[in-house]
């Protein structure tokens, strides 16, 4: 029991604090979004979708744990949070897909999107084995119209997972 009580203190001393959850300011227009992203079941596979703070939004900078907030997490246990959640609408949001896969590979890239107030969206994608590597995919569909949202600041071709140890 004493170990469990010391755990929060250890986390604070080590500087390991969780990324704050994304929230929409009360005065801003809102849309709803849910994640249906999927990953191969493996305890080493994960994805985090981060949103830049308003201060960093003009530069598109999203820094994990610094000034970004967490929109969704995808692990072998599923998506957190589940269901729809609010997202700011009527302005360009700068986001980042951060991910890790087995074999010490990562898949990180920025993207930006503008959501319509009152609309419902689904975020889909994840990792896909394409024969010559693992492609990192993401798309956002407006569920009310069926139209895929144009994403800016995104690589023109799907990025591929890269080894964290360099080329093997």
Protein backbone atom coordinates (compact mmCIF):
# COMPACT_ATOMS: atom_id res chain seq x y z
CA UNK A 1 0.00 0.00 0.00
CA UNK A 2 2.88 2.38 0.76
CA UNK A 3 4.19 1.94 -2.80
CA UNK A 4 0.88 3.10 -4.27
CA UNK A 5 0.88 6.24 -2.10
CA UNK A 6 4.41 7.10 -3.22
CA UNK A 7 3.62 6.61 -6.94
CA UNK A 8 2.08 10.11 -7.53
CA UNK A 9 5.05 11.73 -5.79
CA UNK A 10 7.44 9.72 -7.97
CA UNK A 11 5.55 10.79 -11.10
CA UNK A 12 5.70 14.46 -10.06
CA UNK A 13 9.42 14.29 -9.28
CA UNK A 14 10.17 12.50 -12.56
CA UNK A 15 8.22 15.12 -14.52
CA UNK A 16 5.84 12.55 -15.97
CA UNK A 17 2.58 14.41 -16.09
CA UNK A 18 -0.29 13.42 -18.35
CA UNK A 19 -1.19 15.57 -21.33
CA UNK A 20 -4.26 17.66 -20.48
CA UNK A 21 -7.51 16.73 -22.22
CA UNK A 22 -8.71 18.97 -25.03
CA UNK A 23 -11.59 21.28 -24.10
CA UNK A 24 -13.43 23.89 -26.14
CA UNK A 25 -13.77 27.36 -24.61
CA UNK A 26 -17.42 28.00 -23.67
CA UNK A 27 -17.73 31.05 -25.95
CA UNK A 28 -16.60 29.25 -29.15
CA UNK A 29 -18.84 27.50 -31.68
CA UNK A 30 -18.65 23.73 -31.46
CA UNK A 31 -18.92 20.58 -33.56
CA UNK A 32 -18.90 16.97 -32.40
CA UNK A 33 -16.25 14.40 -33.32
CA UNK A 34 -15.62 10.76 -32.48
CA UNK A 35 -12.71 8.49 -33.29
CA UNK A 36 -13.01 5.22 -35.15
CA UNK A 37 -9.27 4.90 -35.65
CA UNK A 38 -7.93 1.37 -35.55
CA UNK A 39 -4.55 -0.15 -34.90
CA UNK A 40 -3.24 -3.71 -35.10
CA UNK A 41 -3.71 -5.34 -31.70
CA UNK A 42 -0.33 -5.19 -30.00
CA UNK A 43 0.59 -3.65 -26.67
CA UNK A 44 3.28 -1.56 -28.38
CA UNK A 45 0.92 0.09 -30.89
CA UNK A 46 -0.70 3.41 -30.01
CA UNK A 47 -1.91 6.70 -31.49
CA UNK A 48 -2.51 10.09 -29.90
CA UNK A 49 -4.28 12.93 -31.67
CA UNK A 50 -3.14 16.26 -30.22
CA UNK A 51 -4.51 19.78 -30.75
CA UNK A 52 -2.23 22.84 -30.66
CA UNK A 53 -2.88 25.53 -28.09
CA UNK A 54 -4.25 28.86 -29.40
CA UNK A 55 -0.81 30.43 -28.79
CA UNK A 56 0.91 27.86 -31.00
CA UNK A 57 -1.84 27.56 -33.63
CA UNK A 58 -0.51 30.26 -36.00
CA UNK A 59 2.80 28.41 -36.33
CA UNK A 60 1.15 24.99 -36.41
CA UNK A 61 3.49 23.85 -33.64
CA UNK A 62 2.22 20.95 -31.60
CA UNK A 63 4.57 19.77 -28.91
CA UNK A 64 3.61 16.73 -26.88
CA UNK A 65 3.38 17.60 -23.23
CA UNK A 66 4.29 21.27 -23.74
CA UNK A 67 1.37 23.29 -25.06
CA UNK A 68 -0.81 20.70 -26.75
CA UNK A 69 -3.93 18.97 -25.51
CA UNK A 70 -5.10 15.42 -26.06
CA UNK A 71 -8.13 14.84 -28.28
CA UNK A 72 -8.03 11.01 -28.60
CA UNK A 73 -5.84 8.07 -27.59
CA UNK A 74 -5.99 4.72 -29.39
CA UNK A 75 -4.44 1.63 -27.81
CA UNK A 76 -5.04 -2.11 -27.84
CA UNK A 77 -7.80 -1.41 -25.29
CA UNK A 78 -9.71 0.85 -27.70
CA UNK A 79 -10.32 4.56 -28.13
CA UNK A 80 -10.33 7.02 -25.23
CA UNK A 81 -12.58 8.90 -24.79
CA UNK A 82 -15.34 6.86 -26.39
CA UNK A 83 -18.19 8.42 -28.34
CA UNK A 84 -18.61 12.00 -29.49
CA UNK A 85 -16.82 14.92 -27.90
CA UNK A 86 -16.85 18.64 -28.60
CA UNK A 87 -14.30 20.29 -30.88
CA UNK A 88 -13.90 23.96 -31.78
CA UNK A 89 -15.62 24.92 -35.02
CA UNK A 90 -15.39 27.79 -37.48
CA UNK A 91 -11.60 28.13 -37.30
CA UNK A 92 -8.55 26.21 -38.47
CA UNK A 93 -7.32 23.73 -35.85
CA UNK A 94 -3.73 22.50 -36.02
CA UNK A 95 -3.33 18.90 -34.90
CA UNK A 96 -0.73 16.16 -34.82
CA UNK A 97 -0.94 12.40 -35.24
CA UNK A 98 1.62 10.83 -32.89
CA UNK A 99 1.99 7.09 -32.96
CA UNK A 100 4.15 4.16 -32.12
CA UNK A 101 4.23 0.63 -33.50
CA UNK A 102 6.03 -2.57 -32.67
CA UNK A 103 9.65 -2.91 -33.83
CA UNK A 104 10.36 0.58 -32.48
CA UNK A 105 8.65 2.39 -35.36
CA UNK A 106 6.93 5.77 -35.12
CA UNK A 107 4.38 7.57 -37.22
CA UNK A 108 4.16 11.30 -36.57
CA UNK A 109 2.75 13.99 -38.84
CA UNK A 110 0.83 17.29 -38.61
CA UNK A 111 -2.55 18.06 -40.16
CA UNK A 112 -5.10 20.86 -39.91
CA UNK A 113 -8.85 21.06 -40.45
CA UNK A 114 -11.77 23.46 -40.09
CA UNK A 115 -15.00 22.08 -38.65
CA UNK A 116 -18.50 23.45 -39.32
CA UNK A 117 -20.45 24.55 -36.23
CA UNK A 118 -23.06 21.97 -35.17
CA UNK A 119 -21.80 19.24 -37.54
CA UNK A 120 -20.90 15.66 -36.57
CA UNK A 121 -17.56 14.17 -37.64
CA UNK A 122 -15.78 10.85 -37.50
CA UNK A 123 -12.00 10.54 -37.39
CA UNK A 124 -10.81 7.35 -39.05
CA UNK A 125 -7.57 5.77 -40.14
CA UNK A 126 -4.75 4.16 -38.27
CA UNK A 127 -2.03 1.84 -39.51
CA UNK A 128 -2.29 -0.23 -42.65
CA UNK A 129 0.18 -2.81 -43.91
CA UNK A 130 0.60 -2.11 -47.63
CA UNK A 131 3.10 -4.78 -48.64
CA UNK A 132 6.19 -2.59 -48.53
CA UNK A 133 5.68 -0.96 -45.15
CA UNK A 134 3.13 0.41 -42.74
CA UNK A 135 1.17 3.41 -43.97
CA UNK A 136 -0.16 5.91 -41.45
CA UNK A 137 -3.64 7.02 -42.49
CA UNK A 138 -6.08 9.63 -41.27
CA UNK A 139 -9.32 11.10 -42.57
CA UNK A 140 -12.20 13.12 -41.16
CA UNK A 141 -15.70 12.67 -42.57
CA UNK A 142 -18.66 14.96 -41.97
CA UNK A 143 -21.37 12.45 -40.97
CA UNK A 144 -24.16 14.92 -41.81
CA UNK A 145 -23.07 15.32 -45.45
CA UNK A 146 -20.83 12.28 -46.06
CA UNK A 147 -18.07 14.56 -47.37
CA UNK A 148 -14.45 13.96 -46.41
CA UNK A 149 -12.96 17.06 -44.82
CA UNK A 150 -9.97 18.53 -46.66
CA UNK A 151 -6.92 18.33 -44.41
CA UNK A 152 -4.15 20.88 -44.79
CA UNK A 153 -0.53 20.76 -43.59
CA UNK A 154 -0.67 17.01 -44.20
CA UNK A 155 1.88 15.09 -46.26
CA UNK A 156 0.67 14.66 -49.86
CA UNK A 157 1.26 10.90 -49.70
CA UNK A 158 0.56 8.73 -46.67
CA UNK A 159 3.56 8.77 -44.36
CA UNK A 160 5.17 5.45 -43.52
CA UNK A 161 6.21 4.28 -40.09
CA UNK A 162 9.89 4.95 -39.48
CA UNK A 163 12.27 3.08 -37.24
CA UNK A 164 13.31 5.02 -34.17
CA UNK A 165 16.78 3.50 -34.51
CA UNK A 166 17.36 4.66 -38.09
CA UNK A 167 17.42 2.44 -41.14
CA UNK A 168 17.91 -1.25 -40.55
